[in-house]
């Protein structure tokens, strides 16, 4: 089982750069890069909420479960 992070897809759809999103939500571009690559073990709900707010999307648009 795996969780696929689709943050890069949403950024492309919204025509937003990683740096811009990182600045808007108050995290480093490096931490955002780790999120995009799926190399993190978890994400704070505050951070997820901020990403969804800025990208005008739902958590399900960013995270996908595969068996």
N, C-alpha and C. Protein backbone atom coordinates (compact mmCIF):
# COMPACT_ATOMS: atom_id res chain seq x y z
N UNK A 1 0.84 -1.18 0.00
CA UNK A 1 0.00 0.00 0.00
C UNK A 1 0.88 1.24 0.00
N UNK A 2 0.41 2.28 -0.65
CA UNK A 2 1.21 3.50 -0.76
C UNK A 2 0.31 4.71 -0.93
N UNK A 3 0.79 5.81 -0.44
CA UNK A 3 0.13 7.09 -0.65
C UNK A 3 0.95 7.86 -1.68
N UNK A 4 0.32 8.26 -2.75
CA UNK A 4 0.98 9.04 -3.80
C UNK A 4 0.63 10.50 -3.59
N UNK A 5 1.66 11.34 -3.54
CA UNK A 5 1.46 12.78 -3.37
C UNK A 5 1.39 13.41 -4.75
N UNK A 6 0.30 14.09 -5.02
CA UNK A 6 0.07 14.69 -6.34
C UNK A 6 0.20 16.22 -6.29
N UNK A 7 1.00 16.71 -5.38
CA UNK A 7 1.18 18.16 -5.21
C UNK A 7 1.74 18.80 -6.48
N UNK A 8 2.67 18.12 -7.14
CA UNK A 8 3.26 18.67 -8.37
C UNK A 8 2.20 18.83 -9.47
N UNK A 9 1.24 17.91 -9.51
CA UNK A 9 0.16 18.00 -10.50
C UNK A 9 -0.70 19.24 -10.23
N UNK A 10 -1.06 19.44 -8.95
CA UNK A 10 -1.89 20.61 -8.61
C UNK A 10 -1.15 21.91 -8.85
N UNK A 11 0.13 21.95 -8.57
CA UNK A 11 0.92 23.15 -8.84
C UNK A 11 0.90 23.46 -10.34
N UNK A 12 1.05 22.44 -11.15
CA UNK A 12 1.05 22.64 -12.60
C UNK A 12 -0.33 23.11 -13.08
N UNK A 13 -1.38 22.51 -12.56
CA UNK A 13 -2.73 22.92 -12.94
C UNK A 13 -3.03 24.36 -12.57
N UNK A 14 -2.48 24.80 -11.44
CA UNK A 14 -2.71 26.17 -10.97
C UNK A 14 -1.66 27.15 -11.50
N UNK A 15 -0.71 26.63 -12.28
CA UNK A 15 0.37 27.45 -12.85
C UNK A 15 1.10 28.23 -11.75
N UNK A 16 1.45 27.50 -10.68
CA UNK A 16 2.14 28.11 -9.55
C UNK A 16 3.47 27.39 -9.34
N UNK A 17 4.48 28.15 -9.01
CA UNK A 17 5.80 27.58 -8.73
C UNK A 17 5.87 27.16 -7.27
N UNK A 18 6.73 26.19 -7.01
CA UNK A 18 6.92 25.69 -5.65
C UNK A 18 7.33 26.81 -4.69
N UNK A 19 8.21 27.66 -5.15
CA UNK A 19 8.69 28.76 -4.31
C UNK A 19 7.54 29.68 -3.88
N UNK A 20 6.65 29.98 -4.81
CA UNK A 20 5.51 30.84 -4.51
C UNK A 20 4.60 30.19 -3.46
N UNK A 21 4.30 28.90 -3.65
CA UNK A 21 3.46 28.20 -2.68
C UNK A 21 4.14 28.15 -1.31
N UNK A 22 5.41 27.83 -1.28
CA UNK A 22 6.14 27.77 -0.02
C UNK A 22 6.07 29.11 0.71
N UNK A 23 6.27 30.19 -0.01
CA UNK A 23 6.20 31.53 0.59
C UNK A 23 4.80 31.81 1.14
N UNK A 24 3.79 31.43 0.37
CA UNK A 24 2.41 31.71 0.78
C UNK A 24 1.98 30.93 2.02
N UNK A 25 2.50 29.70 2.17
CA UNK A 25 2.06 28.88 3.30
C UNK A 25 3.04 28.90 4.46
N UNK A 26 4.18 29.56 4.28
CA UNK A 26 5.11 29.74 5.39
C UNK A 26 6.00 28.56 5.71
N UNK A 27 6.39 27.79 4.68
CA UNK A 27 7.37 26.73 4.89
C UNK A 27 8.51 26.93 3.90
N UNK A 28 9.61 26.25 4.12
CA UNK A 28 10.74 26.40 3.21
C UNK A 28 10.47 25.65 1.91
N UNK A 29 11.12 26.10 0.86
CA UNK A 29 10.98 25.43 -0.43
C UNK A 29 11.53 24.01 -0.34
N UNK A 30 12.55 23.80 0.49
CA UNK A 30 13.12 22.47 0.68
C UNK A 30 12.09 21.52 1.31
N UNK A 31 11.37 22.00 2.33
CA UNK A 31 10.35 21.16 2.95
C UNK A 31 9.21 20.86 1.98
N UNK A 32 8.85 21.83 1.16
CA UNK A 32 7.82 21.60 0.16
C UNK A 32 8.29 20.57 -0.86
N UNK A 33 9.55 20.62 -1.22
CA UNK A 33 10.12 19.65 -2.14
C UNK A 33 10.05 18.24 -1.57
N UNK A 34 10.33 18.12 -0.27
CA UNK A 34 10.23 16.81 0.38
C UNK A 34 8.79 16.31 0.36
N UNK A 35 7.84 17.21 0.57
CA UNK A 35 6.43 16.83 0.49
C UNK A 35 6.08 16.35 -0.92
N UNK A 36 6.52 17.10 -1.93
CA UNK A 36 6.21 16.75 -3.32
C UNK A 36 6.77 15.39 -3.69
N UNK A 37 7.93 15.05 -3.18
CA UNK A 37 8.57 13.79 -3.54
C UNK A 37 8.05 12.61 -2.72
N UNK A 38 7.25 12.89 -1.70
CA UNK A 38 6.71 11.81 -0.87
C UNK A 38 7.71 11.26 0.13
N UNK A 39 8.77 12.00 0.40
CA UNK A 39 9.81 11.53 1.30
C UNK A 39 9.55 11.87 2.76
N UNK A 40 8.35 12.30 3.09
CA UNK A 40 8.01 12.61 4.47
C UNK A 40 7.09 11.52 5.01
N UNK A 41 7.12 11.34 6.31
CA UNK A 41 6.29 10.33 6.96
C UNK A 41 4.90 10.86 7.29
N UNK A 42 4.74 12.17 7.33
CA UNK A 42 3.45 12.76 7.67
C UNK A 42 3.42 14.23 7.31
N UNK A 43 2.23 14.80 7.44
CA UNK A 43 2.03 16.21 7.18
C UNK A 43 1.07 16.75 8.22
N UNK A 44 1.36 17.92 8.74
CA UNK A 44 0.47 18.54 9.73
C UNK A 44 -0.79 19.01 9.04
N UNK A 45 -1.91 18.88 9.75
CA UNK A 45 -3.18 19.34 9.18
C UNK A 45 -3.14 20.83 8.88
N UNK A 46 -2.44 21.61 9.68
CA UNK A 46 -2.31 23.05 9.41
C UNK A 46 -1.66 23.29 8.05
N UNK A 47 -0.60 22.52 7.77
CA UNK A 47 0.10 22.67 6.50
C UNK A 47 -0.77 22.20 5.35
N UNK A 48 -1.45 21.07 5.52
CA UNK A 48 -2.34 20.56 4.49
C UNK A 48 -3.47 21.55 4.21
N UNK A 49 -4.02 22.13 5.26
CA UNK A 49 -5.07 23.13 5.09
C UNK A 49 -4.58 24.35 4.32
N UNK A 50 -3.37 24.81 4.64
CA UNK A 50 -2.81 25.97 3.96
C UNK A 50 -2.56 25.68 2.48
N UNK A 51 -2.07 24.49 2.18
CA UNK A 51 -1.85 24.11 0.79
C UNK A 51 -3.18 24.08 0.03
N UNK A 52 -4.19 23.47 0.63
CA UNK A 52 -5.51 23.39 -0.01
C UNK A 52 -6.10 24.78 -0.22
N UNK A 53 -5.90 25.66 0.76
CA UNK A 53 -6.41 27.03 0.64
C UNK A 53 -5.76 27.75 -0.54
N UNK A 54 -4.45 27.66 -0.63
CA UNK A 54 -3.72 28.39 -1.66
C UNK A 54 -3.92 27.80 -3.06
N UNK A 55 -4.11 26.48 -3.14
CA UNK A 55 -4.29 25.84 -4.44
C UNK A 55 -5.77 25.65 -4.78
N UNK A 56 -6.65 26.09 -3.87
CA UNK A 56 -8.09 25.96 -4.07
C UNK A 56 -8.45 24.52 -4.46
N UNK A 57 -8.09 23.59 -3.56
CA UNK A 57 -8.35 22.18 -3.83
C UNK A 57 -8.72 21.46 -2.53
N UNK A 58 -9.02 20.19 -2.64
CA UNK A 58 -9.33 19.34 -1.52
C UNK A 58 -8.14 18.43 -1.23
N UNK A 59 -8.02 17.91 0.01
CA UNK A 59 -6.92 16.98 0.31
C UNK A 59 -6.87 15.80 -0.66
N UNK A 60 -8.01 15.32 -1.11
CA UNK A 60 -8.04 14.19 -2.04
C UNK A 60 -7.42 14.55 -3.40
N UNK A 61 -7.35 15.83 -3.72
CA UNK A 61 -6.68 16.25 -4.95
C UNK A 61 -5.18 16.14 -4.83
N UNK A 62 -4.68 16.10 -3.60
CA UNK A 62 -3.24 16.07 -3.34
C UNK A 62 -2.70 14.69 -2.99
N UNK A 63 -3.55 13.85 -2.41
CA UNK A 63 -3.12 12.55 -1.90
C UNK A 63 -3.97 11.46 -2.52
N UNK A 64 -3.30 10.39 -2.95
CA UNK A 64 -3.99 9.27 -3.58
C UNK A 64 -3.50 7.97 -2.96
N UNK A 65 -4.42 7.09 -2.62
CA UNK A 65 -4.08 5.79 -2.04
C UNK A 65 -4.05 4.74 -3.14
N UNK A 66 -2.98 3.94 -3.16
CA UNK A 66 -2.91 2.81 -4.09
C UNK A 66 -2.61 1.56 -3.29
N UNK A 67 -3.18 0.47 -3.73
CA UNK A 67 -3.00 -0.80 -3.04
C UNK A 67 -1.80 -1.56 -3.56
